[in-house]
C-alpha atoms as a PDB file:
ATOM      1  CA  MET A   1      25.134 -45.343 156.814  1.00  0.00           C
ATOM      2  CA  SER A   2      23.765 -41.868 157.680  1.00  0.00           C
ATOM      3  CA  ASN A   3      21.053 -43.448 159.880  1.00  0.00           C
ATOM      4  CA  ALA A   4      23.417 -45.992 161.558  1.00  0.00           C
ATOM      5  CA  ILE A   5      25.676 -42.811 162.692  1.00  0.00           C
ATOM      6  CA  LYS A   6      22.669 -41.058 164.020  1.00  0.00           C
ATOM      7  CA  TYR A   7      21.059 -43.955 165.969  1.00  0.00           C
ATOM      8  CA  THR A   8      24.298 -45.814 167.256  1.00  0.00           C
ATOM      9  CA  GLU A   9      25.458 -44.556 170.620  1.00  0.00           C
ATOM     10  CA  PRO A  10      28.983 -43.376 171.171  1.00  0.00           C
ATOM     11  CA  GLY A  11      31.194 -46.450 171.512  1.00  0.00           C
ATOM     12  CA  GLY A  12      29.063 -48.509 169.423  1.00  0.00           C
ATOM     13  CA  GLU A  13      29.957 -50.244 166.157  1.00  0.00           C
ATOM     14  CA  ILE A  14      29.277 -49.684 162.420  1.00  0.00           C
ATOM     15  CA  ARG A  15      30.634 -51.993 159.648  1.00  0.00           C
ATOM     16  CA  VAL A  16      30.069 -51.446 155.966  1.00  0.00           C
ATOM     17  CA  SER A  17      30.880 -53.713 153.205  1.00  0.00           C
ATOM     18  CA  LEU A  18      30.900 -53.992 149.448  1.00  0.00           C
ATOM     19  CA  GLU A  19      30.912 -57.530 147.666  1.00  0.00           C
ATOM     20  CA  ALA A  20      31.157 -58.012 143.860  1.00  0.00           C
ATOM     21  CA  LEU A  21      28.449 -60.635 142.907  1.00  0.00           C
ATOM     22  CA  PRO A  22      28.231 -62.680 139.519  1.00  0.00           C
ATOM     23  CA  GLY A  23      26.554 -60.981 136.633  1.00  0.00           C
ATOM     24  CA  GLY A  24      27.900 -57.281 137.414  1.00  0.00           C
ATOM     25  CA  ARG A  25      25.600 -57.029 140.527  1.00  0.00           C
ATOM     26  CA  TYR A  26      27.130 -55.395 143.905  1.00  0.00           C
ATOM     27  CA  ARG A  27      25.942 -55.792 147.384  1.00  0.00           C
ATOM     28  CA  PHE A  28      26.383 -53.091 149.937  1.00  0.00           C
ATOM     29  CA  VAL A  29      25.637 -53.996 153.536  1.00  0.00           C
ATOM     30  CA  CYS A  30      25.686 -51.530 156.469  1.00  0.00           C
ATOM     31  CA  VAL A  31      25.471 -53.241 159.985  1.00  0.00           C
ATOM     32  CA  ASP A  32      25.294 -51.594 163.362  1.00  0.00           C
ATOM     33  CA  ASN A  33      24.758 -52.471 166.960  1.00  0.00           C
ATOM     34  CA  GLY A  34      22.527 -49.263 167.517  1.00  0.00           C
ATOM     35  CA  ILE A  35      19.060 -48.835 169.086  1.00  0.00           C
ATOM     36  CA  GLY A  36      17.575 -51.198 166.414  1.00  0.00           C
ATOM     37  CA  MET A  37      13.780 -51.249 165.503  1.00  0.00           C
ATOM     38  CA  SER A  38      10.588 -53.228 166.511  1.00  0.00           C
ATOM     39  CA  GLN A  39       9.281 -55.710 164.105  1.00  0.00           C
ATOM     40  CA  GLU A  40       6.036 -53.760 163.846  1.00  0.00           C
ATOM     41  CA  PHE A  41       7.955 -50.526 162.875  1.00  0.00           C
ATOM     42  CA  LEU A  42      10.173 -52.590 160.452  1.00  0.00           C
ATOM     43  CA  LYS A  43       6.900 -53.439 158.348  1.00  0.00           C
ATOM     44  CA  HIS A  44       6.396 -49.620 157.534  1.00  0.00           C
ATOM     45  CA  ILE A  45      10.044 -48.384 157.534  1.00  0.00           C
ATOM     46  CA  THR A  46      10.003 -47.541 153.697  1.00  0.00           C
ATOM     47  CA  GLU A  47       6.686 -45.692 153.858  1.00  0.00           C
ATOM     48  CA  ASP A  48       6.790 -41.865 153.455  1.00  0.00           C
ATOM     49  CA  TYR A  49       7.050 -39.781 156.635  1.00  0.00           C
ATOM     50  CA  VAL A  50       7.530 -42.617 159.000  1.00  0.00           C
ATOM     51  CA  ARG A  51       9.633 -42.365 162.079  1.00  0.00           C
ATOM     52  CA  ALA A  52       9.742 -44.765 165.101  1.00  0.00           C
ATOM     53  CA  GLU A  53       8.201 -43.437 168.445  1.00  0.00           C
ATOM     54  CA  ASP A  54      11.407 -43.208 170.463  1.00  0.00           C
ATOM     55  CA  SER A  55      12.511 -40.245 172.381  1.00  0.00           C
ATOM     56  CA  ARG A  56      16.172 -41.023 171.044  1.00  0.00           C
ATOM     57  CA  ILE A  57      14.934 -40.645 167.737  1.00  0.00           C
ATOM     58  CA  SER A  58      12.734 -37.539 168.232  1.00  0.00           C
ATOM     59  CA  LYS A  59      15.958 -35.509 169.098  1.00  0.00           C
ATOM     60  CA  VAL A  60      17.553 -36.221 165.693  1.00  0.00           C
ATOM     61  CA  GLN A  61      16.719 -34.157 162.736  1.00  0.00           C
ATOM     62  CA  GLY A  62      14.924 -35.891 159.916  1.00  0.00           C
ATOM     63  CA  THR A  63      11.812 -36.025 157.783  1.00  0.00           C
ATOM     64  CA  GLY A  64      10.973 -39.797 157.732  1.00  0.00           C
ATOM     65  CA  LEU A  65      11.657 -39.863 154.115  1.00  0.00           C
ATOM     66  CA  GLY A  66      15.177 -41.176 153.874  1.00  0.00           C
ATOM     67  CA  MET A  67      14.303 -44.851 153.677  1.00  0.00           C
ATOM     68  CA  SER A  68      11.431 -44.278 151.205  1.00  0.00           C
ATOM     69  CA  ILE A  69      14.004 -42.606 149.029  1.00  0.00           C
ATOM     70  CA  VAL A  70      16.549 -45.336 149.386  1.00  0.00           C
ATOM     71  CA  LYS A  71      13.840 -47.857 148.454  1.00  0.00           C
ATOM     72  CA  GLY A  72      12.545 -45.982 145.428  1.00  0.00           C
ATOM     73  CA  LEU A  73      15.988 -45.254 143.871  1.00  0.00           C
ATOM     74  CA  THR A  74      17.287 -48.869 144.513  1.00  0.00           C
ATOM     75  CA  GLU A  75      14.206 -50.200 142.544  1.00  0.00           C
ATOM     76  CA  LEU A  76      14.549 -47.683 139.701  1.00  0.00           C
ATOM     77  CA  MET A  77      18.152 -49.087 139.269  1.00  0.00           C
ATOM     78  CA  GLY A  78      16.739 -52.623 139.203  1.00  0.00           C
ATOM     79  CA  GLY A  79      18.075 -53.536 142.638  1.00  0.00           C
ATOM     80  CA  THR A  80      16.611 -54.745 145.920  1.00  0.00           C
ATOM     81  CA  LEU A  81      16.615 -53.542 149.604  1.00  0.00           C
ATOM     82  CA  THR A  82      16.270 -55.914 152.670  1.00  0.00           C
ATOM     83  CA  VAL A  83      16.405 -54.667 156.328  1.00  0.00           C
ATOM     84  CA  GLU A  84      16.811 -56.760 159.421  1.00  0.00           C
ATOM     85  CA  SER A  85      16.606 -55.341 162.797  1.00  0.00           C
ATOM     86  CA  GLU A  86      16.124 -56.079 166.411  1.00  0.00           C
ATOM     87  CA  LEU A  87      15.078 -53.439 169.074  1.00  0.00           C
ATOM     88  CA  GLY A  88      17.898 -52.543 171.448  1.00  0.00           C
ATOM     89  CA  LYS A  89      20.474 -54.877 169.370  1.00  0.00           C
ATOM     90  CA  GLY A  90      21.020 -53.039 165.873  1.00  0.00           C
ATOM     91  CA  SER A  91      20.141 -53.400 162.311  1.00  0.00           C
ATOM     92  CA  ARG A  92      21.371 -54.613 159.039  1.00  0.00           C
ATOM     93  CA  PHE A  93      20.624 -53.079 155.807  1.00  0.00           C
ATOM     94  CA  THR A  94      21.357 -54.689 152.679  1.00  0.00           C
ATOM     95  CA  VAL A  95      21.163 -53.179 148.818  1.00  0.00           C
ATOM     96  CA  GLU A  96      21.990 -55.234 145.938  1.00  0.00           C
ATOM     97  CA  VAL A  97      22.111 -53.128 142.537  1.00  0.00           C
ATOM     98  CA  PRO A  98      23.569 -53.920 139.093  1.00  0.00           C
ATOM     99  CA  LEU A  99      26.353 -51.573 137.843  1.00  0.00           C
ATOM    100  CA  PRO A 100      27.686 -51.348 134.477  1.00  0.00           C
ATOM    101  CA  ALA A 101      31.502 -51.545 134.216  1.00  0.00           C
ATOM    102  CA  ALA A 102      33.208 -48.144 134.233  1.00  0.00           C
ATOM    103  CA  SER A 103      34.671 -46.639 131.086  1.00  0.00           C
ATOM    104  CA  GLU A 104      38.328 -45.749 130.681  1.00  0.00           C
ATOM    105  CA  GLU A 105      37.592 -42.210 131.137  1.00  0.00           C
ATOM    106  CA  GLN A 106      35.624 -42.653 134.354  1.00  0.00           C
ATOM    107  CA  ARG A 107      38.547 -44.904 135.649  1.00  0.00           C
ATOM    108  CA  GLY A 108      40.822 -42.166 135.008  1.00  0.00           C
ATOM    109  CA  GLN A 109      38.945 -39.782 136.766  1.00  0.00           C
ATOM    110  CA  VAL A 110      38.988 -41.729 139.894  1.00  0.00           C
ATOM    111  CA  LEU A 111      42.521 -42.999 139.702  1.00  0.00           C
ATOM    112  CA  ALA A 112      43.896 -39.687 138.736  1.00  0.00           C
ATOM    113  CA  PRO A 113      41.455 -36.894 139.831  1.00  0.00           C
ATOM    114  CA  GLY A 114      41.980 -33.401 138.223  1.00  0.00           C
ATOM    115  CA  GLN A 115      41.947 -29.979 139.473  1.00  0.00           C
ATOM    116  CA  GLU A 116      38.213 -29.729 139.566  1.00  0.00           C
ATOM    117  CA  SER A 117      37.967 -32.468 142.245  1.00  0.00           C
ATOM    118  CA  ALA A 118      40.203 -30.746 144.244  1.00  0.00           C
ATOM    119  CA  ASP A 119      38.279 -27.631 143.991  1.00  0.00           C
ATOM    120  CA  VAL A 120      35.229 -29.396 145.392  1.00  0.00           C
ATOM    121  CA  ARG A 121      37.025 -30.933 148.259  1.00  0.00           C
ATOM    122  CA  SER A 122      37.954 -27.586 149.325  1.00  0.00           C
ATOM    123  CA  PHE A 123      34.203 -26.631 150.252  1.00  0.00           C
ATOM    124  CA  GLU A 124      34.183 -29.613 152.869  1.00  0.00           C
ATOM    125  CA  GLY A 125      32.855 -28.331 156.309  1.00  0.00           C
ATOM    126  CA  LYS A 126      31.489 -25.096 154.979  1.00  0.00           C
ATOM    127  CA  ARG A 127      27.825 -24.349 155.885  1.00  0.00           C
ATOM    128  CA  VAL A 128      24.935 -23.582 153.689  1.00  0.00           C
ATOM    129  CA  ILE A 129      21.245 -22.627 154.014  1.00  0.00           C
ATOM    130  CA  LEU A 130      18.847 -24.881 151.883  1.00  0.00           C
ATOM    131  CA  ALA A 131      15.538 -23.140 151.370  1.00  0.00           C
ATOM    132  CA  GLU A 132      13.021 -25.556 149.936  1.00  0.00           C
ATOM    133  CA  ASP A 133       9.349 -26.272 150.910  1.00  0.00           C
ATOM    134  CA  ASN A 134       8.987 -29.777 149.669  1.00  0.00           C
ATOM    135  CA  ALA A 135      10.257 -32.108 152.268  1.00  0.00           C
ATOM    136  CA  LEU A 136      11.279 -34.855 149.811  1.00  0.00           C
ATOM    137  CA  ASN A 137      12.983 -32.387 147.547  1.00  0.00           C
ATOM    138  CA  ALA A 138      14.782 -31.192 150.643  1.00  0.00           C
ATOM    139  CA  GLU A 139      15.779 -34.480 151.873  1.00  0.00           C
ATOM    140  CA  ILE A 140      17.317 -35.200 148.590  1.00  0.00           C
ATOM    141  CA  ALA A 141      19.135 -31.832 148.147  1.00  0.00           C
ATOM    142  CA  ILE A 142      20.498 -32.230 151.540  1.00  0.00           C
ATOM    143  CA  GLU A 143      22.032 -35.541 150.902  1.00  0.00           C
ATOM    144  CA  LEU A 144      23.544 -34.048 147.487  1.00  0.00           C
ATOM    145  CA  LEU A 145      24.881 -31.249 149.344  1.00  0.00           C
ATOM    146  CA  GLN A 146      26.212 -33.112 152.220  1.00  0.00           C
ATOM    147  CA  SER A 147      27.878 -35.571 149.713  1.00  0.00           C
ATOM    148  CA  VAL A 148      30.269 -32.786 148.634  1.00  0.00           C
ATOM    149  CA  GLY A 149      31.202 -32.031 152.455  1.00  0.00           C
ATOM    150  CA  LEU A 150      28.846 -29.235 152.973  1.00  0.00           C
ATOM    151  CA  SER A 151      26.837 -28.650 156.289  1.00  0.00           C
ATOM    152  CA  VAL A 152      23.266 -27.884 155.547  1.00  0.00           C
ATOM    153  CA  ASP A 153      20.600 -25.925 157.560  1.00  0.00           C
ATOM    154  CA  TRP A 154      17.124 -26.360 156.121  1.00  0.00           C
ATOM    155  CA  ALA A 155      14.749 -23.576 155.972  1.00  0.00           C
ATOM    156  CA  GLU A 156      11.105 -24.622 154.988  1.00  0.00           C
ATOM    157  CA  ASN A 157      10.451 -21.319 152.989  1.00  0.00           C
ATOM    158  CA  GLY A 158      11.975 -18.109 151.967  1.00  0.00           C
ATOM    159  CA  GLU A 159      10.923 -16.074 155.069  1.00  0.00           C
ATOM    160  CA  ILE A 160      12.805 -18.684 157.337  1.00  0.00           C
ATOM    161  CA  ALA A 161      15.846 -18.408 155.200  1.00  0.00           C
ATOM    162  CA  VAL A 162      15.990 -14.624 155.537  1.00  0.00           C
ATOM    163  CA  LYS A 163      15.367 -14.882 159.244  1.00  0.00           C
ATOM    164  CA  MET A 164      18.257 -17.636 159.647  1.00  0.00           C
ATOM    165  CA  LEU A 165      20.951 -15.469 157.978  1.00  0.00           C
ATOM    166  CA  GLU A 166      19.663 -12.225 159.639  1.00  0.00           C
ATOM    167  CA  ILE A 167      20.458 -13.830 163.220  1.00  0.00           C
ATOM    168  CA  SER A 168      23.471 -15.625 162.247  1.00  0.00           C
ATOM    169  CA  GLU A 169      26.974 -14.350 162.964  1.00  0.00           C
ATOM    170  CA  PRO A 170      28.983 -12.773 159.885  1.00  0.00           C
ATOM    171  CA  GLY A 171      30.685 -15.510 158.072  1.00  0.00           C
ATOM    172  CA  THR A 172      28.583 -18.279 159.467  1.00  0.00           C
ATOM    173  CA  TYR A 173      27.070 -19.298 155.954  1.00  0.00           C
ATOM    174  CA  PHE A 174      29.150 -19.850 152.789  1.00  0.00           C
ATOM    175  CA  ALA A 175      26.042 -19.780 150.293  1.00  0.00           C
ATOM    176  CA  VAL A 176      22.266 -20.163 150.042  1.00  0.00           C
ATOM    177  CA  PHE A 177      20.577 -22.692 147.730  1.00  0.00           C
ATOM    178  CA  MET A 178      17.258 -21.134 147.203  1.00  0.00           C
ATOM    179  CA  ASP A 179      14.103 -22.850 145.606  1.00  0.00           C
ATOM    180  CA  MET A 180      12.226 -20.278 143.428  1.00  0.00           C
ATOM    181  CA  GLN A 181       8.558 -21.283 144.325  1.00  0.00           C
ATOM    182  CA  MET A 182       7.886 -21.452 148.051  1.00  0.00           C
ATOM    183  CA  PRO A 183       4.951 -20.409 150.272  1.00  0.00           C
ATOM    184  CA  MET A 184       4.908 -17.416 152.615  1.00  0.00           C
ATOM    185  CA  MET A 185       7.885 -16.062 150.732  1.00  0.00           C
ATOM    186  CA  ASP A 186       9.236 -17.202 147.332  1.00  0.00           C
ATOM    187  CA  GLY A 187      12.965 -17.241 146.114  1.00  0.00           C
ATOM    188  CA  VAL A 188      13.019 -14.200 144.464  1.00  0.00           C
ATOM    189  CA  GLU A 189      11.518 -12.047 147.446  1.00  0.00           C
ATOM    190  CA  ALA A 190      13.661 -13.898 149.829  1.00  0.00           C
ATOM    191  CA  THR A 191      16.750 -12.842 147.675  1.00  0.00           C
ATOM    192  CA  ARG A 192      15.622  -9.201 147.440  1.00  0.00           C
ATOM    193  CA  ARG A 193      15.338  -9.062 151.395  1.00  0.00           C
ATOM    194  CA  ILE A 194      18.681 -10.418 151.982  1.00  0.00           C
ATOM    195  CA  ARG A 195      20.452  -8.172 149.311  1.00  0.00           C
ATOM    196  CA  GLY A 196      18.522  -5.177 150.770  1.00  0.00           C
ATOM    197  CA  SER A 197      19.434  -6.108 154.506  1.00  0.00           C
ATOM    198  CA  ALA A 198      22.049  -4.472 156.612  1.00  0.00           C
ATOM    199  CA  HIS A 199      23.719  -7.980 157.584  1.00  0.00           C
ATOM    200  CA  ALA A 200      27.428  -8.237 156.726  1.00  0.00           C
ATOM    201  CA  ASP A 201      26.669 -11.266 154.572  1.00  0.00           C
ATOM    202  CA  ARG A 202      24.306  -9.723 152.319  1.00  0.00           C
ATOM    203  CA  ASP A 203      26.239 -10.240 149.378  1.00  0.00           C
ATOM    204  CA  ILE A 204      26.576 -13.968 150.168  1.00  0.00           C
ATOM    205  CA  PRO A 205      26.220 -16.268 146.953  1.00  0.00           C
ATOM    206  CA  ILE A 206      22.586 -17.258 146.282  1.00  0.00           C
ATOM    207  CA  ILE A 207      21.936 -20.005 143.950  1.00  0.00           C
ATOM    208  CA  ALA A 208      18.518 -20.524 142.477  1.00  0.00           C
ATOM    209  CA  MET A 209      17.095 -23.990 142.290  1.00  0.00           C
ATOM    210  CA  THR A 210      14.224 -24.084 139.571  1.00  0.00           C
ATOM    211  CA  ALA A 211      12.638 -26.270 137.180  1.00  0.00           C
ATOM    212  CA  ASN A 212      11.842 -23.194 134.998  1.00  0.00           C
ATOM    213  CA  THR A 213      14.953 -22.460 132.890  1.00  0.00           C
ATOM    214  CA  PHE A 214      13.329 -20.098 130.180  1.00  0.00           C
ATOM    215  CA  ASP A 215      15.389 -16.824 129.796  1.00  0.00           C
ATOM    216  CA  ALA A 216      12.749 -14.862 131.620  1.00  0.00           C
ATOM    217  CA  ASP A 217      13.039 -16.840 134.539  1.00  0.00           C
ATOM    218  CA  LYS A 218      16.829 -16.513 134.512  1.00  0.00           C
ATOM    219  CA  ARG A 219      16.311 -12.770 134.118  1.00  0.00           C
ATOM    220  CA  ARG A 220      14.059 -12.712 137.279  1.00  0.00           C
ATOM    221  CA  CYS A 221      16.955 -14.568 139.061  1.00  0.00           C
ATOM    222  CA  ARG A 222      19.274 -11.817 137.957  1.00  0.00           C
ATOM    223  CA  GLU A 223      17.166  -8.969 138.646  1.00  0.00           C
ATOM    224  CA  ALA A 224      16.455 -10.003 142.186  1.00  0.00           C
ATOM    225  CA  GLY A 225      20.230 -10.391 142.868  1.00  0.00           C
ATOM    226  CA  MET A 226      20.970 -14.283 142.576  1.00  0.00           C
ATOM    227  CA  SER A 227      24.365 -15.280 141.854  1.00  0.00           C
ATOM    228  CA  GLY A 228      23.335 -17.969 139.357  1.00  0.00           C
ATOM    229  CA  TYR A 229      21.029 -20.997 139.266  1.00  0.00           C
ATOM    230  CA  ILE A 230      20.812 -24.671 138.989  1.00  0.00           C
ATOM    231  CA  SER A 231      18.087 -26.713 137.222  1.00  0.00           C
ATOM    232  CA  LYS A 232      15.805 -29.100 139.023  1.00  0.00           C
ATOM    233  CA  PRO A 233      16.017 -32.162 139.412  1.00  0.00           C
ATOM    234  CA  VAL A 234      19.151 -31.214 141.236  1.00  0.00           C
ATOM    235  CA  ASN A 235      22.098 -33.547 140.913  1.00  0.00           C
ATOM    236  CA  SER A 236      25.598 -33.517 142.463  1.00  0.00           C
ATOM    237  CA  GLU A 237      27.395 -32.439 139.159  1.00  0.00           C
ATOM    238  CA  ALA A 238      25.359 -29.391 139.134  1.00  0.00           C
ATOM    239  CA  ILE A 239      26.049 -28.801 142.732  1.00  0.00           C
ATOM    240  CA  GLU A 240      29.814 -29.215 142.070  1.00  0.00           C
ATOM    241  CA  GLU A 241      29.721 -26.864 139.132  1.00  0.00           C
ATOM    242  CA  ALA A 242      27.864 -24.215 141.082  1.00  0.00           C
ATOM    243  CA  LEU A 243      30.518 -24.555 143.747  1.00  0.00           C
ATOM    244  CA  MET A 244      33.370 -24.068 141.444  1.00  0.00           C
ATOM    245  CA  LYS A 245      31.994 -21.198 139.774  1.00  0.00           C
ATOM    246  CA  ILE A 246      31.449 -19.523 143.149  1.00  0.00           C
ATOM    247  CA  ALA A 247      35.106 -20.187 143.942  1.00  0.00           C
ATOM    248  CA  ARG A 248      36.151 -18.593 140.661  1.00  0.00           C
ATOM    249  CA  GLY A 249      33.780 -15.829 140.527  1.00  0.00           C
ATOM    250  CA  ARG A 250      32.267 -16.817 137.160  1.00  0.00           C
ATOM    251  CA  PHE A 251      28.545 -16.822 138.164  1.00  0.00           C
END
């Protein structure tokens, strides 16, 4: 759906459908009448770092990893992905996956969402910096952050993240999600630079993203001035919990 929106011109049409199939399988279909793809490119669409050679595509931000991630996750779930497209006429993406029946607790959360869901919705439209050097990790994290309504600016390392904040107008960014290990400048040093800067937003919430959750690593986060941390691999629940802690001042 994200690609359909990116590559369908204003006034075009995008249709999304969900169909329940026998045996607990579900079919998701996204059809657009956008720019479409050549048959040659279609053979490589799920490969890493592949983007079509089209001037309209080069203007759109992307790493060329989106469809590779979709294919990988779909297969891990025991599902299938099929893509049909014609250059200049549009594309059709179909994902079929098996999904277990929801528990009563899950049904209740969806049908009668509690206060926590409302808290998360309150962050919709807020802008954050994601500092992450790994393109694949960044692609996933961006999708997760956007899934809760956040607008994301990606910095490939800590040095870039610091510069992005320094040149921004006060109040531009709501928070920074900071990877701990990056080239040029790691998350700890980047956080120290932000905290020691003269920028009006130097006290912005900075959330560490780290695969190391030992006490020594947590202490390094705190000593550098980080507001808190979430463990890798990052998931939407951890992001929502971090956002709610920020709102409640409990980090």
